[in-house]
C-alpha atoms as a PDB file:
ATOM      1  CA  UNK A   1      56.838 141.061 114.923  1.00  0.00           C
ATOM      2  CA  UNK A   2      60.493 140.633 115.944  1.00  0.00           C
ATOM      3  CA  UNK A   3      61.949 137.152 116.685  1.00  0.00           C
ATOM      4  CA  UNK A   4      61.416 137.812 120.253  1.00  0.00           C
ATOM      5  CA  UNK A   5      57.708 138.593 120.269  1.00  0.00           C
ATOM      6  CA  UNK A   6      57.440 135.451 117.968  1.00  0.00           C
ATOM      7  CA  UNK A   7      59.355 133.108 120.354  1.00  0.00           C
ATOM      8  CA  UNK A   8      57.274 134.373 123.542  1.00  0.00           C
ATOM      9  CA  UNK A   9      53.922 133.734 121.235  1.00  0.00           C
ATOM     10  CA  UNK A  10      55.145 130.272 120.227  1.00  0.00           C
ATOM     11  CA  UNK A  11      56.616 129.622 124.127  1.00  0.00           C
ATOM     12  CA  UNK A  12      52.956 130.622 125.299  1.00  0.00           C
ATOM     13  CA  UNK A  13      50.947 128.277 122.927  1.00  0.00           C
ATOM     14  CA  UNK A  14      53.429 125.297 123.680  1.00  0.00           C
ATOM     15  CA  UNK A  15      52.742 125.855 127.841  1.00  0.00           C
ATOM     16  CA  UNK A  16      48.921 125.968 127.135  1.00  0.00           C
ATOM     17  CA  UNK A  17      49.015 122.888 125.136  1.00  0.00           C
ATOM     18  CA  UNK A  18      51.340 121.089 127.610  1.00  0.00           C
ATOM     19  CA  UNK A  19      49.399 122.046 130.362  1.00  0.00           C
ATOM     20  CA  UNK A  20      48.091 119.684 133.142  1.00  0.00           C
ATOM     21  CA  UNK A  21      44.387 119.660 132.181  1.00  0.00           C
ATOM     22  CA  UNK A  22      41.828 120.004 129.707  1.00  0.00           C
ATOM     23  CA  UNK A  23      39.259 118.276 127.528  1.00  0.00           C
ATOM     24  CA  UNK A  24      40.358 115.149 125.854  1.00  0.00           C
ATOM     25  CA  UNK A  25      39.142 114.151 122.328  1.00  0.00           C
ATOM     26  CA  UNK A  26      35.860 115.003 121.932  1.00  0.00           C
ATOM     27  CA  UNK A  27      33.432 113.288 119.802  1.00  0.00           C
ATOM     28  CA  UNK A  28      29.577 113.106 119.268  1.00  0.00           C
ATOM     29  CA  UNK A  29      29.535 110.273 121.922  1.00  0.00           C
ATOM     30  CA  UNK A  30      31.793 112.268 124.571  1.00  0.00           C
ATOM     31  CA  UNK A  31      35.188 112.865 125.518  1.00  0.00           C
ATOM     32  CA  UNK A  32      38.030 110.355 125.690  1.00  0.00           C
ATOM     33  CA  UNK A  33      41.234 110.939 127.727  1.00  0.00           C
ATOM     34  CA  UNK A  34      44.129 108.851 127.116  1.00  0.00           C
ATOM     35  CA  UNK A  35      47.034 107.906 129.553  1.00  0.00           C
ATOM     36  CA  UNK A  36      50.288 105.508 129.395  1.00  0.00           C
ATOM     37  CA  UNK A  37      51.557 104.271 132.350  1.00  0.00           C
ATOM     38  CA  UNK A  38      55.286 102.721 132.004  1.00  0.00           C
ATOM     39  CA  UNK A  39      57.822 101.746 134.602  1.00  0.00           C
ATOM     40  CA  UNK A  40      55.361 102.336 137.180  1.00  0.00           C
ATOM     41  CA  UNK A  41      54.668 106.042 136.355  1.00  0.00           C
ATOM     42  CA  UNK A  42      52.525 107.829 134.068  1.00  0.00           C
ATOM     43  CA  UNK A  43      54.204 108.779 130.829  1.00  0.00           C
ATOM     44  CA  UNK A  44      51.251 110.223 128.993  1.00  0.00           C
ATOM     45  CA  UNK A  45      47.654 111.918 129.919  1.00  0.00           C
ATOM     46  CA  UNK A  46      46.628 114.999 131.771  1.00  0.00           C
ATOM     47  CA  UNK A  47      47.124 115.792 135.453  1.00  0.00           C
ATOM     48  CA  UNK A  48      43.261 116.606 135.546  1.00  0.00           C
ATOM     49  CA  UNK A  49      40.485 115.353 133.269  1.00  0.00           C
ATOM     50  CA  UNK A  50      37.746 118.577 133.388  1.00  0.00           C
ATOM     51  CA  UNK A  51      34.266 117.372 132.800  1.00  0.00           C
ATOM     52  CA  UNK A  52      30.806 118.814 132.378  1.00  0.00           C
ATOM     53  CA  UNK A  53      28.027 117.146 134.397  1.00  0.00           C
ATOM     54  CA  UNK A  54      26.328 114.735 132.026  1.00  0.00           C
ATOM     55  CA  UNK A  55      29.169 114.109 129.747  1.00  0.00           C
ATOM     56  CA  UNK A  56      30.292 110.947 128.641  1.00  0.00           C
ATOM     57  CA  UNK A  57      33.820 110.341 129.845  1.00  0.00           C
ATOM     58  CA  UNK A  58      36.219 107.575 128.259  1.00  0.00           C
ATOM     59  CA  UNK A  59      39.440 107.043 129.993  1.00  0.00           C
ATOM     60  CA  UNK A  60      41.636 104.837 128.094  1.00  0.00           C
ATOM     61  CA  UNK A  61      45.153 103.466 129.485  1.00  0.00           C
ATOM     62  CA  UNK A  62      47.984 101.695 128.196  1.00  0.00           C
ATOM     63  CA  UNK A  63      50.314  99.828 130.610  1.00  0.00           C
ATOM     64  CA  UNK A  64      53.247  97.768 130.582  1.00  0.00           C
ATOM     65  CA  UNK A  65      52.470  95.343 133.683  1.00  0.00           C
ATOM     66  CA  UNK A  66      49.366  94.261 134.831  1.00  0.00           C
ATOM     67  CA  UNK A  67      47.474  96.658 136.979  1.00  0.00           C
ATOM     68  CA  UNK A  68      43.957  98.085 137.242  1.00  0.00           C
ATOM     69  CA  UNK A  69      42.346 101.381 136.436  1.00  0.00           C
ATOM     70  CA  UNK A  70      39.919 102.652 139.112  1.00  0.00           C
ATOM     71  CA  UNK A  71      37.761 105.872 139.347  1.00  0.00           C
ATOM     72  CA  UNK A  72      36.736 106.610 142.921  1.00  0.00           C
ATOM     73  CA  UNK A  73      33.475 108.267 143.589  1.00  0.00           C
ATOM     74  CA  UNK A  74      32.008 106.260 140.452  1.00  0.00           C
ATOM     75  CA  UNK A  75      33.181 102.831 141.501  1.00  0.00           C
ATOM     76  CA  UNK A  76      34.291 102.119 138.137  1.00  0.00           C
ATOM     77  CA  UNK A  77      37.482  99.716 137.595  1.00  0.00           C
ATOM     78  CA  UNK A  78      38.901  97.902 134.670  1.00  0.00           C
ATOM     79  CA  UNK A  79      41.983  95.631 134.127  1.00  0.00           C
ATOM     80  CA  UNK A  80      44.745  96.660 132.448  1.00  0.00           C
ATOM     81  CA  UNK A  81      47.640  94.108 130.966  1.00  0.00           C
ATOM     82  CA  UNK A  82      50.491  94.592 128.554  1.00  0.00           C
ATOM     83  CA  UNK A  83      48.891  94.686 125.080  1.00  0.00           C
ATOM     84  CA  UNK A  84      45.298  95.100 126.397  1.00  0.00           C
ATOM     85  CA  UNK A  85      44.721  98.651 127.874  1.00  0.00           C
ATOM     86  CA  UNK A  86      42.044  99.190 130.107  1.00  0.00           C
ATOM     87  CA  UNK A  87      38.912 101.564 128.947  1.00  0.00           C
ATOM     88  CA  UNK A  88      36.170 103.046 131.272  1.00  0.00           C
ATOM     89  CA  UNK A  89      33.279 104.744 129.888  1.00  0.00           C
ATOM     90  CA  UNK A  90      30.877 106.334 132.149  1.00  0.00           C
ATOM     91  CA  UNK A  91      28.526 109.504 132.549  1.00  0.00           C
ATOM     92  CA  UNK A  92      30.041 112.203 134.671  1.00  0.00           C
ATOM     93  CA  UNK A  93      27.043 112.773 136.357  1.00  0.00           C
ATOM     94  CA  UNK A  94      28.378 113.192 139.871  1.00  0.00           C
ATOM     95  CA  UNK A  95      29.689 116.707 140.727  1.00  0.00           C
ATOM     96  CA  UNK A  96      32.998 116.736 142.436  1.00  0.00           C
ATOM     97  CA  UNK A  97      36.701 116.068 142.302  1.00  0.00           C
ATOM     98  CA  UNK A  98      37.788 112.590 142.235  1.00  0.00           C
ATOM     99  CA  UNK A  99      40.887 110.313 142.334  1.00  0.00           C
ATOM    100  CA  UNK A 100      41.693 108.333 139.284  1.00  0.00           C
ATOM    101  CA  UNK A 101      44.387 105.415 139.928  1.00  0.00           C
ATOM    102  CA  UNK A 102      46.114 102.639 138.883  1.00  0.00           C
ATOM    103  CA  UNK A 103      45.995  99.992 141.960  1.00  0.00           C
ATOM    104  CA  UNK A 104      49.432  98.797 141.704  1.00  0.00           C
ATOM    105  CA  UNK A 105      51.033 102.033 140.515  1.00  0.00           C
ATOM    106  CA  UNK A 106      49.221 105.026 142.308  1.00  0.00           C
ATOM    107  CA  UNK A 107      47.460 108.167 141.290  1.00  0.00           C
ATOM    108  CA  UNK A 108      46.840 108.823 137.722  1.00  0.00           C
ATOM    109  CA  UNK A 109      44.739 111.826 137.386  1.00  0.00           C
ATOM    110  CA  UNK A 110      42.169 113.617 138.919  1.00  0.00           C
ATOM    111  CA  UNK A 111      38.445 113.902 137.636  1.00  0.00           C
ATOM    112  CA  UNK A 112      36.718 117.157 138.213  1.00  0.00           C
ATOM    113  CA  UNK A 113      32.977 117.152 137.033  1.00  0.00           C
ATOM    114  CA  UNK A 114      31.014 120.764 136.997  1.00  0.00           C
END
């Protein structure tokens, strides 16, 4: 295999792993998706969370300022403070696409349940 073909293959893998959606860390208890908010912007985490109906989903957010994590459609919220990350765990039992936001800094990601 030439170096060009290998380079394209490596780039394709990097693009797929850096894409903005996907599954989080999967355990027997469900999926965990981790985010970080720094300086008022998301610095870690996917653009979209894809979940299967009935799956337990955990969203964890570390932040550098006081804020609140909120999942629309599920009416779940948790405070986030520097040194005290927000964590929400719920069963994704309502199909649809829902905004996940930080109340002070705005949209964080989307939750898509199918």
